[in-house]
Amino acid sequence: MMPKVSVIIVAYNMAREIPRTVQSFLPPYQEKLEPGDVEILVMENGSSEPVPEDVRAAWPASVRYVTVPSPSPSPAAALNLGVDMSRADVVVPVIDGARMASPGLLHYGLAALRLDPDAFVGTTGFHLGSERQPIAVLSGYNQQVEDALLASIAWPRNGYRLFEICSPGGSAGGAWFGGASESNAPLLHKSRYQELGGYDTAFDIPGGGLVNLDFFERAVNGKHPYYMLVGEGTFHQIHGGVTTSRSVREVEADGRTTFQRYTDQYEALRARPWKIPERLPVLFGMHRPQCSKISLAAIKSISGLA
C-alpha cells in the first residue's frame, strides 16, 4: 500500500524530542487518516546521542530511521535525501525535528492539495511556553518545565490543547493572520519540491542559517497557489537549538549577531537582501475554540493594539 504522505523529519541530538514529534505525525493522533496513509522518515543527521534503539524498535513499520551518510551541519542535504527516498506523492519536510504537529495538520493539508495540486501549503510555527523560547529561557524555562507543561494538558490525549500552552514563534508573530517568513512543516507534491530544487545546500551554516526561509520564499513567491492552514500548526520543544535557545539578535564578540551572519550569507547567495515575502496566503482549515486565545493575541499584535 502506497502512503498518501511522506513526512521527513531531521534529527540532530533530539533523543527526548523526536519520539513526541514522530507520534504527533502518526495516526491515530493525526485525525481522519489510517496507519498506512502516513510514512515517516527520521533522518539521523550526525547526532552524538541518537534516538535510543528501544524507542525506535517500538515505532511501526511505517517509520524509517535513516542514518545520513556524511552528515552536514546544515539540515538541507538530509531533507533532500529524505524526499528522494520517500514513497508518497505528497511530502512534508520538517527541518526541525523538535516540532510536534497539531492533529489535523496532515488531513487539512492533503485536502488543500486535492483542491489545488500545484499549491504550497504552509503551517504556522509556535513555541511551547507562554513566550518565545529565546526569551523564556532567561526566566528558567527548560526541558523539565516543558515536560510538566505537557503533562498539565494530558498530551497527547487532545493535541489541540497545545494551543493553550504556546506562543507564536518569531517567524509568525501574527499567527495565521500576519505575513509568515517560514513554515516548519509545509505540504507540497514531491514533483513541486523537486521543481523548486529542494533545500539549497549552499546554506551551510550550522543549523542552515536562512535555508528554511529561502525555501519558503521561493515556494510562495511563484505563480502557484499558496495556502496557510488556520487552526493547525507545529509546536517547538526546547532542546538547545541554534535559533530557539538564545536570541539570534544578540551582539556577539565579533560585533555581529547570528542573524547578521545569516542575512549576510543569504545576500551573498541571492545577490539581494532577504525580506519577508509580501504575498499573503489563502487561509484553509478550521479555527477551533482552543485557538481563540492565540488568535486574539495575534490580531492585537498585528493591529498595534497589544
Protein backbone atom coordinates (compact mmCIF):
# COMPACT_ATOMS: atom_id res chain seq x y z
CA MET A 1 0.00 0.00 0.00
CA MET A 2 1.39 3.37 -1.02
CA PRO A 3 1.23 6.09 1.64
CA LYS A 4 -0.66 9.31 0.96
CA VAL A 5 2.00 11.48 2.53
CA SER A 6 5.67 11.16 3.49
CA VAL A 7 6.91 13.18 6.46
CA ILE A 8 10.67 13.81 6.50
CA ILE A 9 11.97 14.74 9.97
CA VAL A 10 15.57 15.85 10.51
CA ALA A 11 17.03 14.68 13.82
CA TYR A 12 20.12 16.11 15.47
CA ASN A 13 20.65 15.47 19.19
CA MET A 14 16.91 15.31 19.89
CA ALA A 15 16.55 11.98 21.67
CA ARG A 16 13.95 13.49 24.00
CA GLU A 17 12.01 15.42 21.36
CA ILE A 18 11.93 13.13 18.32
CA PRO A 19 9.62 10.46 19.85
CA ARG A 20 6.92 13.07 20.53
CA THR A 21 7.35 14.55 17.07
CA VAL A 22 7.01 11.14 15.42
CA GLN A 23 3.92 10.31 17.49
CA SER A 24 2.33 13.62 16.56
CA PHE A 25 2.63 12.90 12.83
CA LEU A 26 1.21 9.37 13.01
CA PRO A 27 -2.41 8.20 13.07
CA PRO A 28 -4.43 7.95 15.26
CA TYR A 29 -3.06 11.22 16.65
CA GLN A 30 -3.32 12.57 13.10
CA GLU A 31 -7.07 12.56 12.62
CA LYS A 32 -9.03 11.11 9.69
CA LEU A 33 -6.07 9.10 8.42
CA GLU A 34 -5.29 5.39 8.53
CA PRO A 35 -1.93 3.98 9.68
CA GLY A 36 -0.89 3.10 6.13
CA ASP A 37 -1.58 6.63 4.90
CA VAL A 38 1.49 8.16 6.57
CA GLU A 39 5.14 7.33 6.01
CA ILE A 40 7.78 8.92 8.25
CA LEU A 41 11.49 9.12 7.54
CA VAL A 42 13.56 10.23 10.52
CA MET A 43 16.83 11.48 9.06
CA GLU A 44 19.58 10.98 11.64
CA ASN A 45 21.97 13.81 10.81
CA GLY A 46 25.04 13.01 12.89
CA SER A 47 23.75 13.12 16.47
CA SER A 48 26.20 12.36 19.26
CA GLU A 49 23.18 11.00 21.16
CA PRO A 50 20.79 9.37 18.66
CA VAL A 51 17.29 8.17 19.43
CA PRO A 52 17.64 5.05 21.64
CA GLU A 53 17.22 1.70 19.93
CA ASP A 54 14.38 0.61 22.22
CA VAL A 55 12.39 3.71 21.23
CA ARG A 56 12.98 3.06 17.54
CA ALA A 57 12.01 -0.59 17.96
CA ALA A 58 8.59 0.47 19.24
CA TRP A 59 7.82 2.51 16.14
CA PRO A 60 5.57 0.97 13.47
CA ALA A 61 6.98 -0.25 10.17
CA SER A 62 5.78 2.97 8.54
CA VAL A 63 8.57 4.86 10.36
CA ARG A 64 12.09 4.54 8.96
CA TYR A 65 15.17 5.71 10.84
CA VAL A 66 17.76 6.69 8.22
CA THR A 67 21.39 7.40 9.06
CA VAL A 68 22.50 10.23 6.78
CA PRO A 69 25.87 9.44 5.17
CA SER A 70 28.46 12.20 5.65
CA PRO A 71 26.08 14.37 7.70
CA SER A 72 26.35 18.13 7.31
CA PRO A 73 25.95 20.83 9.99
CA SER A 74 23.09 22.12 7.82
CA PRO A 75 19.88 20.03 7.56
CA ALA A 76 19.42 20.82 3.85
CA ALA A 77 21.08 17.71 2.39
CA ALA A 78 19.30 15.44 4.88
CA LEU A 79 15.91 16.83 3.86
CA ASN A 80 16.66 16.44 0.17
CA LEU A 81 17.82 12.85 0.69
CA GLY A 82 14.68 12.08 2.67
CA VAL A 83 12.45 13.44 -0.08
CA ASP A 84 14.36 11.38 -2.67
CA MET A 85 13.78 8.25 -0.54
CA SER A 86 10.10 8.96 0.14
CA ARG A 87 7.34 6.90 -1.49
CA ALA A 88 4.31 9.20 -1.35
CA ASP A 89 3.32 11.82 -3.92
CA VAL A 90 3.00 14.43 -1.14
CA VAL A 91 5.91 15.32 1.14
CA VAL A 92 6.20 17.24 4.42
CA PRO A 93 9.77 18.43 5.05
CA VAL A 94 10.22 19.02 8.80
CA ILE A 95 13.53 20.85 9.07
CA ASP A 96 13.48 20.90 12.88
CA GLY A 97 12.72 17.53 14.43
CA ALA A 98 11.66 19.13 17.71
CA ARG A 99 8.37 20.38 16.25
CA MET A 100 5.24 18.47 17.20
CA ALA A 101 2.18 18.72 14.95
CA SER A 102 -1.46 19.52 15.63
CA PRO A 103 -3.90 16.65 14.94
CA GLY A 104 -5.45 17.93 11.71
CA LEU A 105 -2.31 19.16 10.00
CA LEU A 106 -1.99 16.29 7.53
CA HIS A 107 -5.73 15.88 6.86
CA TYR A 108 -6.32 19.54 6.04
CA GLY A 109 -3.03 19.87 4.19
CA LEU A 110 -3.95 16.96 1.93
CA ALA A 111 -7.42 18.45 1.42
CA ALA A 112 -5.89 21.73 0.25
CA LEU A 113 -3.67 19.85 -2.20
CA ARG A 114 -6.67 18.00 -3.60
CA LEU A 115 -8.23 21.40 -4.26
CA ASP A 116 -5.04 22.73 -5.89
CA PRO A 117 -2.42 20.06 -6.69
CA ASP A 118 0.20 22.69 -7.50
CA ALA A 119 -0.26 24.52 -4.21
CA PHE A 120 2.24 25.11 -1.44
CA VAL A 121 0.51 24.56 1.89
CA GLY A 122 2.20 26.30 4.80
CA THR A 123 1.82 25.67 8.50
CA THR A 124 2.44 28.16 11.31
CA GLY A 125 5.15 27.64 13.90
CA PHE A 126 4.54 28.07 17.63
CA HIS A 127 6.76 27.68 20.70
CA LEU A 128 5.68 25.70 23.73
CA GLY A 129 5.53 28.04 26.71
CA SER A 130 3.92 31.39 27.41
CA GLU A 131 6.51 33.34 25.41
CA ARG A 132 9.06 32.74 22.68
CA GLN A 133 11.70 30.35 23.94
CA PRO A 134 14.75 32.62 23.48
CA ILE A 135 13.02 34.95 25.97
CA ALA A 136 11.55 32.21 28.17
CA VAL A 137 14.92 30.56 28.85
CA LEU A 138 16.05 33.77 30.56
CA SER A 139 13.37 33.14 33.20
CA GLY A 140 14.21 29.47 33.71
CA TYR A 141 12.19 27.72 31.01
CA ASN A 142 13.81 24.35 30.31
CA GLN A 143 13.00 20.77 29.36
CA GLN A 144 11.75 19.86 32.84
CA VAL A 145 9.38 22.84 32.90
CA GLU A 146 8.19 21.88 29.43
CA ASP A 147 7.57 18.26 30.41
CA ALA A 148 5.38 19.47 33.27
CA LEU A 149 3.58 21.83 30.91
CA LEU A 150 2.74 19.00 28.53
CA ALA A 151 1.62 16.83 31.43
CA SER A 152 -0.73 19.62 32.55
CA ILE A 153 -2.78 19.25 29.35
CA ALA A 154 -2.50 15.44 29.38
CA TRP A 155 -0.81 15.43 25.98
CA PRO A 156 -1.35 13.56 23.68
CA ARG A 157 -4.98 12.99 24.72
CA ASN A 158 -6.18 16.14 22.90
CA GLY A 159 -3.48 17.62 20.68
CA TYR A 160 -5.40 20.84 20.11
CA ARG A 161 -4.80 21.76 23.76
CA LEU A 162 -1.24 22.58 22.67
CA PHE A 163 -2.67 25.94 21.61
CA GLU A 164 -3.43 26.63 25.28
CA ILE A 165 0.26 26.40 26.26
CA CYS A 166 2.06 28.05 23.35
CA SER A 167 3.06 31.39 21.85
CA PRO A 168 3.73 32.35 18.20
CA GLY A 169 7.28 31.77 17.03
CA GLY A 170 9.47 34.64 15.89
CA SER A 171 8.74 33.91 12.23
CA ALA A 172 4.97 34.11 12.72
CA GLY A 173 4.12 36.78 15.28
CA GLY A 174 0.72 37.25 13.68
CA ALA A 175 -0.02 33.52 13.80
CA TRP A 176 -2.21 32.74 10.76
CA PHE A 177 -3.15 36.39 10.14
CA GLY A 178 0.21 38.08 9.54
CA GLY A 179 2.92 37.64 6.96
CA ALA A 180 4.92 34.48 7.71
CA SER A 181 8.60 34.15 6.88
CA GLU A 182 8.86 30.34 7.01
CA SER A 183 6.97 27.11 7.54
CA ASN A 184 8.36 24.22 9.56
CA ALA A 185 6.06 21.51 8.18
CA PRO A 186 4.73 22.55 4.76
CA LEU A 187 2.90 20.17 2.44
CA LEU A 188 3.52 20.01 -1.29
CA HIS A 189 3.72 17.45 -4.03
CA LYS A 190 7.09 15.77 -4.39
CA SER A 191 7.26 16.91 -8.02
CA ARG A 192 6.83 20.52 -6.91
CA TYR A 193 9.55 20.12 -4.29
CA GLN A 194 11.88 18.86 -7.00
CA GLU A 195 10.92 21.70 -9.35
CA LEU A 196 11.92 24.13 -6.60
CA GLY A 197 15.28 22.40 -6.30
CA GLY A 198 14.61 21.39 -2.70
CA TYR A 199 16.62 22.99 0.07
CA ASP A 200 19.76 24.78 -1.11
CA THR A 201 22.81 23.04 0.37
CA ALA A 202 24.86 26.19 -0.19
CA PHE A 203 23.31 27.39 3.08
CA ASP A 204 25.98 25.56 5.07
CA ILE A 205 25.96 27.46 8.38
CA PRO A 206 25.31 25.09 11.32
CA GLY A 207 21.55 24.79 11.57
CA GLY A 208 21.17 26.01 7.99
CA GLY A 209 21.04 29.76 8.55
CA LEU A 210 18.19 31.09 6.42
CA VAL A 211 17.82 27.89 4.39
CA ASN A 212 14.24 27.31 5.54
CA LEU A 213 13.26 30.93 4.94
CA ASP A 214 14.86 30.75 1.49
CA PHE A 215 12.87 27.62 0.59
CA PHE A 216 9.66 29.20 1.85
CA GLU A 217 10.26 32.42 -0.08
CA ARG A 218 10.92 30.57 -3.34
CA ALA A 219 7.83 28.43 -2.84
CA VAL A 220 5.32 31.19 -2.04
CA ASN A 221 6.57 33.86 -4.44
CA GLY A 222 5.94 31.77 -7.52
CA LYS A 223 2.83 31.55 -9.70
CA HIS A 224 1.24 28.61 -7.85
CA PRO A 225 -1.44 28.80 -5.13
CA TYR A 226 -0.32 29.43 -1.56
CA TYR A 227 -2.40 28.27 1.40
CA MET A 228 -1.87 28.53 5.15
CA LEU A 229 -3.61 26.06 7.45
CA VAL A 230 -5.63 28.01 10.01
CA GLY A 231 -6.20 26.20 13.30
CA GLU A 232 -3.19 23.94 12.77
CA GLY A 233 0.50 24.33 13.43
CA THR A 234 3.72 22.93 14.82
CA PHE A 235 4.93 23.34 18.40
CA HIS A 236 8.61 23.66 19.18
CA GLN A 237 10.06 21.70 22.09
CA ILE A 238 13.09 23.30 23.68
CA HIS A 239 16.31 21.44 23.01
CA GLY A 240 19.17 23.93 22.87
CA GLY A 241 18.69 24.75 19.18
CA VAL A 242 20.69 27.39 17.35
CA THR A 243 17.88 29.93 17.00
CA THR A 244 15.50 28.98 19.81
CA SER A 245 17.73 28.67 22.88
CA ARG A 246 19.01 32.25 22.67
CA SER A 247 18.33 35.44 20.74
CA VAL A 248 19.76 35.49 17.22
CA ARG A 249 19.89 39.30 17.52
CA GLU A 250 22.29 39.31 20.46
CA VAL A 251 25.59 41.00 19.60
CA GLU A 252 28.49 38.58 19.91
CA ALA A 253 32.23 39.05 20.46
CA ASP A 254 32.92 39.96 16.83
CA GLY A 255 30.32 42.75 16.91
CA ARG A 256 27.82 40.88 14.75
CA THR A 257 24.65 38.98 15.58
CA THR A 258 23.81 35.46 14.49
CA PHE A 259 21.02 36.88 12.36
CA GLN A 260 23.50 39.18 10.61
CA ARG A 261 25.61 36.15 9.73
CA TYR A 262 22.53 34.50 8.32
CA THR A 263 21.45 37.51 6.26
CA ASP A 264 24.99 38.12 5.03
CA GLN A 265 25.13 34.59 3.66
CA TYR A 266 21.69 34.96 2.10
CA GLU A 267 22.73 38.17 0.34
CA ALA A 268 25.95 36.56 -0.90
CA LEU A 269 24.00 33.63 -2.37
CA ARG A 270 20.98 35.52 -3.72
CA ALA A 271 22.61 38.88 -4.57
CA ARG A 272 19.89 40.79 -2.73
CA PRO A 273 18.86 41.39 0.88
CA TRP A 274 16.47 38.95 2.50
CA LYS A 275 12.97 40.20 3.28
CA ILE A 276 9.72 38.66 4.43
CA PRO A 277 7.54 37.64 1.46
CA GLU A 278 4.78 40.16 0.82
CA ARG A 279 2.38 37.62 -0.64
CA LEU A 280 -0.39 36.62 1.76
CA PRO A 281 -1.92 33.13 1.73
CA VAL A 282 -5.43 31.85 1.35
CA LEU A 283 -6.44 30.56 4.78
CA PHE A 284 -7.68 26.98 4.77
CA GLY A 285 -8.94 24.72 7.55
CA MET A 286 -10.95 25.07 10.75
CA HIS A 287 -10.50 27.51 13.60
CA ARG A 288 -11.09 25.73 16.92
CA PRO A 289 -12.02 27.07 20.37
CA GLN A 290 -8.58 26.14 21.70
CA CYS A 291 -7.05 28.58 19.20
CA SER A 292 -9.02 31.61 20.37
CA LYS A 293 -6.52 32.96 22.88
CA ILE A 294 -3.58 32.75 20.49
CA SER A 295 -5.64 34.22 17.64
CA LEU A 296 -6.83 37.19 19.68
CA ALA A 297 -3.29 37.98 20.82
CA ALA A 298 -2.00 37.69 17.25
CA ILE A 299 -4.66 40.02 15.83
CA LYS A 300 -3.94 42.59 18.55
CA SER A 301 -0.24 42.32 17.77
CA ILE A 302 -0.52 42.96 14.05
CA SER A 303 -3.13 45.68 14.65
CA GLY A 304 -0.84 47.53 17.07
CA LEU A 305 -3.30 47.06 19.92
CA ALA A 306 -1.19 44.77 22.10
